[in-house]
């Protein structure tokens, strides 16, 4: 597990032994899995647990804002 970003009470991680497609896990009060690329080209919420709507929106916004950085980190970790 590699923490790649922290902001606003959220922690973004990539598991080093994880699978495609490229995605991140965001932890706050709960946990969300967000794909970095979707058919629309923007990040896509896969699932969340323990996050309220506002925290899910913050997580998605954070991932959208830093998507290119997170994709580069995914590539660096997974090749």
PDB file of N, CA and C in Angstrom:
ATOM      1  N   UNK A   1       0.852  -1.171   0.000  1.00  0.00           N
ATOM      2  CA  UNK A   1       0.000   0.000   0.000  1.00  0.00           C
ATOM      3  C   UNK A   1       0.890   1.223   0.000  1.00  0.00           C
ATOM      4  N   UNK A   2       0.593   2.153  -0.893  1.00  0.00           N
ATOM      5  CA  UNK A   2       1.354   3.386  -0.982  1.00  0.00           C
ATOM      6  C   UNK A   2       0.403   4.575  -0.887  1.00  0.00           C
ATOM      7  N   UNK A   3       0.582   5.405   0.142  1.00  0.00           N
ATOM      8  CA  UNK A   3      -0.186   6.643   0.220  1.00  0.00           C
ATOM      9  C   UNK A   3       0.433   7.607  -0.777  1.00  0.00           C
ATOM     10  N   UNK A   4      -0.365   8.084  -1.712  1.00  0.00           N
ATOM     11  CA  UNK A   4       0.176   8.945  -2.758  1.00  0.00           C
ATOM     12  C   UNK A   4      -0.266  10.393  -2.621  1.00  0.00           C
ATOM     13  N   UNK A   5      -1.257  10.673  -1.767  1.00  0.00           N
ATOM     14  CA  UNK A   5      -1.764  12.039  -1.654  1.00  0.00           C
ATOM     15  C   UNK A   5      -2.599  12.160  -0.392  1.00  0.00           C
ATOM     16  N   UNK A   6      -2.532  13.340   0.226  1.00  0.00           N
ATOM     17  CA  UNK A   6      -3.388  13.672   1.376  1.00  0.00           C
ATOM     18  C   UNK A   6      -3.897  15.092   1.199  1.00  0.00           C
ATOM     19  N   UNK A   7      -5.171  15.284   1.452  1.00  0.00           N
ATOM     20  CA  UNK A   7      -5.750  16.626   1.378  1.00  0.00           C
ATOM     21  C   UNK A   7      -7.127  16.619   2.027  1.00  0.00           C
ATOM     22  N   UNK A   8      -7.417  17.670   2.771  1.00  0.00           N
ATOM     23  CA  UNK A   8      -8.756  17.866   3.309  1.00  0.00           C
ATOM     24  C   UNK A   8      -9.307  16.701   4.093  1.00  0.00           C
ATOM     25  N   UNK A   9      -8.458  16.011   4.845  1.00  0.00           N
ATOM     26  CA  UNK A   9      -8.909  14.878   5.638  1.00  0.00           C
ATOM     27  C   UNK A   9      -9.074  13.595   4.844  1.00  0.00           C
ATOM     28  N   UNK A  10      -8.674  13.599   3.577  1.00  0.00           N
ATOM     29  CA  UNK A  10      -8.754  12.408   2.744  1.00  0.00           C
ATOM     30  C   UNK A  10      -7.344  11.906   2.442  1.00  0.00           C
ATOM     31  N   UNK A  11      -7.211  10.597   2.373  1.00  0.00           N
ATOM     32  CA  UNK A  11      -5.935   9.953   2.049  1.00  0.00           C
ATOM     33  C   UNK A  11      -6.168   9.074   0.828  1.00  0.00           C
ATOM     34  N   UNK A  12      -5.325   9.259  -0.181  1.00  0.00           N
ATOM     35  CA  UNK A  12      -5.450   8.515  -1.437  1.00  0.00           C
ATOM     36  C   UNK A  12      -4.329   7.482  -1.485  1.00  0.00           C
ATOM     37  N   UNK A  13      -4.706   6.227  -1.707  1.00  0.00           N
ATOM     38  CA  UNK A  13      -3.702   5.167  -1.741  1.00  0.00           C
ATOM     39  C   UNK A  13      -3.858   4.304  -2.987  1.00  0.00           C
ATOM     40  N   UNK A  14      -2.752   3.647  -3.336  1.00  0.00           N
ATOM     41  CA  UNK A  14      -2.742   2.623  -4.372  1.00  0.00           C
ATOM     42  C   UNK A  14      -2.138   1.382  -3.740  1.00  0.00           C
ATOM     43  N   UNK A  15      -2.827   0.268  -3.836  1.00  0.00           N
ATOM     44  CA  UNK A  15      -2.287  -0.991  -3.339  1.00  0.00           C
ATOM     45  C   UNK A  15      -1.287  -1.518  -4.357  1.00  0.00           C
ATOM     46  N   UNK A  16      -0.092  -1.882  -3.900  1.00  0.00           N
ATOM     47  CA  UNK A  16       0.965  -2.290  -4.821  1.00  0.00           C
ATOM     48  C   UNK A  16       0.663  -3.630  -5.497  1.00  0.00           C
ATOM     49  N   UNK A  17      -0.169  -4.447  -4.912  1.00  0.00           N
ATOM     50  CA  UNK A  17      -0.507  -5.742  -5.516  1.00  0.00           C
ATOM     51  C   UNK A  17      -1.928  -5.745  -6.083  1.00  0.00           C
ATOM     52  N   UNK A  18      -2.402  -4.562  -6.499  1.00  0.00           N
ATOM     53  CA  UNK A  18      -3.780  -4.427  -6.978  1.00  0.00           C
ATOM     54  C   UNK A  18      -3.882  -4.763  -8.462  1.00  0.00           C
ATOM     55  N   UNK A  19      -5.049  -4.684  -9.003  1.00  0.00           N
ATOM     56  CA  UNK A  19      -5.383  -5.139 -10.349  1.00  0.00           C
ATOM     57  C   UNK A  19      -5.849  -3.975 -11.208  1.00  0.00           C
ATOM     58  N   UNK A  20      -5.888  -4.214 -12.517  1.00  0.00           N
ATOM     59  CA  UNK A  20      -6.472  -3.258 -13.477  1.00  0.00           C
ATOM     60  C   UNK A  20      -7.981  -3.243 -13.283  1.00  0.00           C
ATOM     61  N   UNK A  21      -8.683  -2.222 -13.698  1.00  0.00           N
ATOM     62  CA  UNK A  21      -8.205  -1.000 -14.297  1.00  0.00           C
ATOM     63  C   UNK A  21      -7.566  -0.081 -13.261  1.00  0.00           C
ATOM     64  N   UNK A  22      -6.834   0.928 -13.746  1.00  0.00           N
ATOM     65  CA  UNK A  22      -6.166   1.879 -12.858  1.00  0.00           C
ATOM     66  C   UNK A  22      -7.204   2.542 -11.950  1.00  0.00           C
ATOM     67  N   UNK A  23      -6.962   2.485 -10.653  1.00  0.00           N
ATOM     68  CA  UNK A  23      -7.890   3.063  -9.691  1.00  0.00           C
ATOM     69  C   UNK A  23      -7.150   3.424  -8.415  1.00  0.00           C
ATOM     70  N   UNK A  24      -7.819   4.203  -7.577  1.00  0.00           N
ATOM     71  CA  UNK A  24      -7.292   4.562  -6.263  1.00  0.00           C
ATOM     72  C   UNK A  24      -8.335   4.241  -5.212  1.00  0.00           C
ATOM     73  N   UNK A  25      -7.868   4.143  -3.996  1.00  0.00           N
ATOM     74  CA  UNK A  25      -8.742   4.005  -2.835  1.00  0.00           C
ATOM     75  C   UNK A  25      -8.609   5.285  -2.036  1.00  0.00           C
ATOM     76  N   UNK A  26      -9.745   5.863  -1.660  1.00  0.00           N
ATOM     77  CA  UNK A  26      -9.743   7.108  -0.907  1.00  0.00           C
ATOM     78  C   UNK A  26     -10.338   6.824   0.463  1.00  0.00           C
ATOM     79  N   UNK A  27      -9.594   7.188   1.496  1.00  0.00           N
ATOM     80  CA  UNK A  27     -10.030   6.984   2.874  1.00  0.00           C
ATOM     81  C   UNK A  27     -10.283   8.328   3.535  1.00  0.00           C
ATOM     82  N   UNK A  28     -11.395   8.433   4.214  1.00  0.00           N
ATOM     83  CA  UNK A  28     -11.753   9.582   5.041  1.00  0.00           C
ATOM     84  C   UNK A  28     -12.448   8.997   6.254  1.00  0.00           C
ATOM     85  N   UNK A  29     -13.709   9.382   6.453  1.00  0.00           N
ATOM     86  CA  UNK A  29     -14.512   8.717   7.484  1.00  0.00           C
ATOM     87  C   UNK A  29     -14.890   7.319   7.031  1.00  0.00           C
ATOM     88  N   UNK A  30     -14.895   7.120   5.734  1.00  0.00           N
ATOM     89  CA  UNK A  30     -15.185   5.823   5.125  1.00  0.00           C
ATOM     90  C   UNK A  30     -14.120   5.503   4.097  1.00  0.00           C
ATOM     91  N   UNK A  31     -14.506   4.747   3.080  1.00  0.00           N
ATOM     92  CA  UNK A  31     -13.560   4.246   2.082  1.00  0.00           C
ATOM     93  C   UNK A  31     -14.290   4.203   0.739  1.00  0.00           C
ATOM     94  N   UNK A  32     -13.607   4.657  -0.315  1.00  0.00           N
ATOM     95  CA  UNK A  32     -14.174   4.597  -1.665  1.00  0.00           C
ATOM     96  C   UNK A  32     -13.135   4.078  -2.634  1.00  0.00           C
ATOM     97  N   UNK A  33     -13.596   3.366  -3.634  1.00  0.00           N
ATOM     98  CA  UNK A  33     -12.747   2.943  -4.747  1.00  0.00           C
ATOM     99  C   UNK A  33     -13.191   3.735  -5.957  1.00  0.00           C
ATOM    100  N   UNK A  34     -12.215   4.397  -6.614  1.00  0.00           N
ATOM    101  CA  UNK A  34     -12.531   5.261  -7.747  1.00  0.00           C
ATOM    102  C   UNK A  34     -11.629   4.896  -8.922  1.00  0.00           C
ATOM    103  N   UNK A  35     -12.242   4.510 -10.041  1.00  0.00           N
ATOM    104  CA  UNK A  35     -11.484   4.252 -11.261  1.00  0.00           C
ATOM    105  C   UNK A  35     -10.981   5.579 -11.808  1.00  0.00           C
ATOM    106  N   UNK A  36      -9.723   5.586 -12.263  1.00  0.00           N
ATOM    107  CA  UNK A  36      -9.144   6.818 -12.784  1.00  0.00           C
ATOM    108  C   UNK A  36      -9.594   7.130 -14.198  1.00  0.00           C
ATOM    109  N   UNK A  37     -10.003   6.114 -14.947  1.00  0.00           N
ATOM    110  CA  UNK A  37     -10.454   6.301 -16.326  1.00  0.00           C
ATOM    111  C   UNK A  37     -11.766   5.549 -16.511  1.00  0.00           C
ATOM    112  N   UNK A  38     -12.713   6.212 -17.103  1.00  0.00           N
ATOM    113  CA  UNK A  38     -13.993   5.570 -17.415  1.00  0.00           C
ATOM    114  C   UNK A  38     -14.302   5.814 -18.894  1.00  0.00           C
ATOM    115  N   UNK A  39     -15.400   5.317 -19.354  1.00  0.00           N
ATOM    116  CA  UNK A  39     -15.788   5.529 -20.760  1.00  0.00           C
ATOM    117  C   UNK A  39     -15.945   7.004 -21.070  1.00  0.00           C
ATOM    118  N   UNK A  40     -16.391   7.781 -20.088  1.00  0.00           N
ATOM    119  CA  UNK A  40     -16.564   9.224 -20.299  1.00  0.00           C
ATOM    120  C   UNK A  40     -15.246   9.978 -20.197  1.00  0.00           C
ATOM    121  N   UNK A  41     -14.197   9.307 -19.718  1.00  0.00           N
ATOM    122  CA  UNK A  41     -12.891   9.950 -19.577  1.00  0.00           C
ATOM    123  C   UNK A  41     -12.649  10.576 -18.224  1.00  0.00           C
ATOM    124  N   UNK A  42     -13.674  10.617 -17.386  1.00  0.00           N
ATOM    125  CA  UNK A  42     -13.509  11.196 -16.053  1.00  0.00           C
ATOM    126  C   UNK A  42     -13.499  10.087 -14.997  1.00  0.00           C
ATOM    127  N   UNK A  43     -13.002  10.374 -13.805  1.00  0.00           N
ATOM    128  CA  UNK A  43     -13.008   9.358 -12.749  1.00  0.00           C
ATOM    129  C   UNK A  43     -14.425   8.861 -12.463  1.00  0.00           C
ATOM    130  N   UNK A  44     -14.501   7.604 -12.016  1.00  0.00           N
ATOM    131  CA  UNK A  44     -15.802   6.974 -11.792  1.00  0.00           C
ATOM    132  C   UNK A  44     -15.809   6.258 -10.449  1.00  0.00           C
ATOM    133  N   UNK A  45     -16.791   6.560  -9.626  1.00  0.00           N
ATOM    134  CA  UNK A  45     -16.949   5.874  -8.348  1.00  0.00           C
ATOM    135  C   UNK A  45     -17.359   4.432  -8.605  1.00  0.00           C
ATOM    136  N   UNK A  46     -16.583   3.493  -8.060  1.00  0.00           N
ATOM    137  CA  UNK A  46     -16.906   2.071  -8.190  1.00  0.00           C
ATOM    138  C   UNK A  46     -17.803   1.667  -7.031  1.00  0.00           C
ATOM    139  N   UNK A  47     -17.381   2.010  -5.815  1.00  0.00           N
ATOM    140  CA  UNK A  47     -18.183   1.752  -4.626  1.00  0.00           C
ATOM    141  C   UNK A  47     -17.664   2.612  -3.477  1.00  0.00           C
ATOM    142  N   UNK A  48     -18.458   2.749  -2.452  1.00  0.00           N
ATOM    143  CA  UNK A  48     -18.018   3.420  -1.233  1.00  0.00           C
ATOM    144  C   UNK A  48     -18.711   2.777  -0.041  1.00  0.00           C
ATOM    145  N   UNK A  49     -18.059   2.879   1.094  1.00  0.00           N
ATOM    146  CA  UNK A  49     -18.616   2.357   2.343  1.00  0.00           C
ATOM    147  C   UNK A  49     -18.295   3.347   3.454  1.00  0.00           C
ATOM    148  N   UNK A  50     -19.303   3.748   4.177  1.00  0.00           N
ATOM    149  CA  UNK A  50     -19.101   4.615   5.323  1.00  0.00           C
ATOM    150  C   UNK A  50     -18.898   6.081   4.996  1.00  0.00           C
ATOM    151  N   UNK A  51     -19.026   6.457   3.729  1.00  0.00           N
ATOM    152  CA  UNK A  51     -18.908   7.853   3.322  1.00  0.00           C
ATOM    153  C   UNK A  51     -20.295   8.424   3.072  1.00  0.00           C
ATOM    154  N   UNK A  52     -20.511   9.642   3.546  1.00  0.00           N
ATOM    155  CA  UNK A  52     -21.771  10.299   3.217  1.00  0.00           C
ATOM    156  C   UNK A  52     -21.632  10.958   1.848  1.00  0.00           C
ATOM    157  N   UNK A  53     -22.699  11.512   1.344  1.00  0.00           N
ATOM    158  CA  UNK A  53     -22.696  12.099   0.006  1.00  0.00           C
ATOM    159  C   UNK A  53     -21.667  13.202  -0.167  1.00  0.00           C
ATOM    160  N   UNK A  54     -21.533  14.056   0.827  1.00  0.00           N
ATOM    161  CA  UNK A  54     -20.577  15.159   0.728  1.00  0.00           C
ATOM    162  C   UNK A  54     -19.146  14.635   0.658  1.00  0.00           C
ATOM    163  N   UNK A  55     -18.821  13.619   1.443  1.00  0.00           N
ATOM    164  CA  UNK A  55     -17.468  13.073   1.413  1.00  0.00           C
ATOM    165  C   UNK A  55     -17.197  12.347   0.091  1.00  0.00           C
ATOM    166  N   UNK A  56     -18.191  11.644  -0.441  1.00  0.00           N
ATOM    167  CA  UNK A  56     -18.037  11.010  -1.765  1.00  0.00           C
ATOM    168  C   UNK A  56     -17.773  12.054  -2.838  1.00  0.00           C
ATOM    169  N   UNK A  57     -18.510  13.156  -2.806  1.00  0.00           N
ATOM    170  CA  UNK A  57     -18.300  14.220  -3.786  1.00  0.00           C
ATOM    171  C   UNK A  57     -16.911  14.831  -3.647  1.00  0.00           C
ATOM    172  N   UNK A  58     -16.461  15.042  -2.417  1.00  0.00           N
ATOM    173  CA  UNK A  58     -15.106  15.565  -2.187  1.00  0.00           C
ATOM    174  C   UNK A  58     -14.061  14.612  -2.727  1.00  0.00           C
ATOM    175  N   UNK A  59     -14.248  13.319  -2.486  1.00  0.00           N
ATOM    176  CA  UNK A  59     -13.303  12.308  -2.964  1.00  0.00           C
ATOM    177  C   UNK A  59     -13.243  12.310  -4.487  1.00  0.00           C
ATOM    178  N   UNK A  60     -14.398  12.314  -5.142  1.00  0.00           N
ATOM    179  CA  UNK A  60     -14.433  12.343  -6.607  1.00  0.00           C
ATOM    180  C   UNK A  60     -13.810  13.620  -7.157  1.00  0.00           C
ATOM    181  N   UNK A  61     -14.081  14.735  -6.530  1.00  0.00           N
ATOM    182  CA  UNK A  61     -13.514  16.009  -6.957  1.00  0.00           C
ATOM    183  C   UNK A  61     -11.996  16.010  -6.818  1.00  0.00           C
ATOM    184  N   UNK A  62     -11.512  15.488  -5.713  1.00  0.00           N
ATOM    185  CA  UNK A  62     -10.068  15.411  -5.476  1.00  0.00           C
ATOM    186  C   UNK A  62      -9.398  14.536  -6.533  1.00  0.00           C
ATOM    187  N   UNK A  63      -9.998  13.392  -6.826  1.00  0.00           N
ATOM    188  CA  UNK A  63      -9.430  12.485  -7.825  1.00  0.00           C
ATOM    189  C   UNK A  63      -9.486  13.121  -9.210  1.00  0.00           C
ATOM    190  N   UNK A  64     -10.568  13.799  -9.544  1.00  0.00           N
ATOM    191  CA  UNK A  64     -10.669  14.463 -10.847  1.00  0.00           C
ATOM    192  C   UNK A  64      -9.594  15.546 -10.978  1.00  0.00           C
ATOM    193  N   UNK A  65      -9.395  16.308  -9.935  1.00  0.00           N
ATOM    194  CA  UNK A  65      -8.421  17.403  -9.963  1.00  0.00           C
ATOM    195  C   UNK A  65      -6.988  16.905 -10.141  1.00  0.00           C
ATOM    196  N   UNK A  66      -6.671  15.759  -9.570  1.00  0.00           N
ATOM    197  CA  UNK A  66      -5.301  15.247  -9.581  1.00  0.00           C
ATOM    198  C   UNK A  66      -5.160  13.955 -10.388  1.00  0.00           C
ATOM    199  N   UNK A  67      -6.077  13.710 -11.274  1.00  0.00           N
ATOM    200  CA  UNK A  67      -6.133  12.451 -12.017  1.00  0.00           C
ATOM    201  C   UNK A  67      -4.840  12.128 -12.760  1.00  0.00           C
ATOM    202  N   UNK A  68      -4.256  13.089 -13.421  1.00  0.00           N
ATOM    203  CA  UNK A  68      -3.029  12.840 -14.186  1.00  0.00           C
ATOM    204  C   UNK A  68      -1.891  12.416 -13.259  1.00  0.00           C
ATOM    205  N   UNK A  69      -1.765  13.061 -12.119  1.00  0.00           N
ATOM    206  CA  UNK A  69      -0.749  12.683 -11.126  1.00  0.00           C
ATOM    207  C   UNK A  69      -0.991  11.253 -10.650  1.00  0.00           C
ATOM    208  N   UNK A  70      -2.247  10.927 -10.344  1.00  0.00           N
ATOM    209  CA  UNK A  70      -2.570   9.587  -9.845  1.00  0.00           C
ATOM    210  C   UNK A  70      -2.333   8.522 -10.913  1.00  0.00           C
ATOM    211  N   UNK A  71      -2.638   8.840 -12.182  1.00  0.00           N
ATOM    212  CA  UNK A  71      -2.356   7.892 -13.266  1.00  0.00           C
ATOM    213  C   UNK A  71      -0.859   7.658 -13.402  1.00  0.00           C
ATOM    214  N   UNK A  72      -0.076   8.704 -13.270  1.00  0.00           N
ATOM    215  CA  UNK A  72       1.386   8.555 -13.348  1.00  0.00           C
ATOM    216  C   UNK A  72       1.898   7.699 -12.204  1.00  0.00           C
ATOM    217  N   UNK A  73       1.337   7.886 -11.021  1.00  0.00           N
ATOM    218  CA  UNK A  73       1.757   7.061  -9.871  1.00  0.00           C
ATOM    219  C   UNK A  73       1.337   5.617 -10.069  1.00  0.00           C
ATOM    220  N   UNK A  74       0.137   5.376 -10.630  1.00  0.00           N
ATOM    221  CA  UNK A  74      -0.316   4.012 -10.918  1.00  0.00           C
ATOM    222  C   UNK A  74       0.679   3.331 -11.849  1.00  0.00           C
ATOM    223  N   UNK A  75       1.062   4.042 -12.924  1.00  0.00           N
ATOM    224  CA  UNK A  75       2.023   3.491 -13.889  1.00  0.00           C
ATOM    225  C   UNK A  75       3.374   3.209 -13.229  1.00  0.00           C
ATOM    226  N   UNK A  76       3.822   4.106 -12.365  1.00  0.00           N
ATOM    227  CA  UNK A  76       5.105   3.912 -11.695  1.00  0.00           C
ATOM    228  C   UNK A  76       5.075   2.670 -10.795  1.00  0.00           C
ATOM    229  N   UNK A  77       3.943   2.423 -10.163  1.00  0.00           N
ATOM    230  CA  UNK A  77       3.816   1.285  -9.246  1.00  0.00           C
ATOM    231  C   UNK A  77       3.560  -0.016 -10.003  1.00  0.00           C
ATOM    232  N   UNK A  78       2.702   0.029 -11.016  1.00  0.00           N
ATOM    233  CA  UNK A  78       2.263  -1.203 -11.708  1.00  0.00           C
ATOM    234  C   UNK A  78       2.880  -1.429 -13.079  1.00  0.00           C
ATOM    235  N   UNK A  79       3.571  -0.441 -13.595  1.00  0.00           N
ATOM    236  CA  UNK A  79       4.254  -0.594 -14.887  1.00  0.00           C
ATOM    237  C   UNK A  79       3.365  -0.531 -16.078  1.00  0.00           C
TER     238      UNK A  79
END
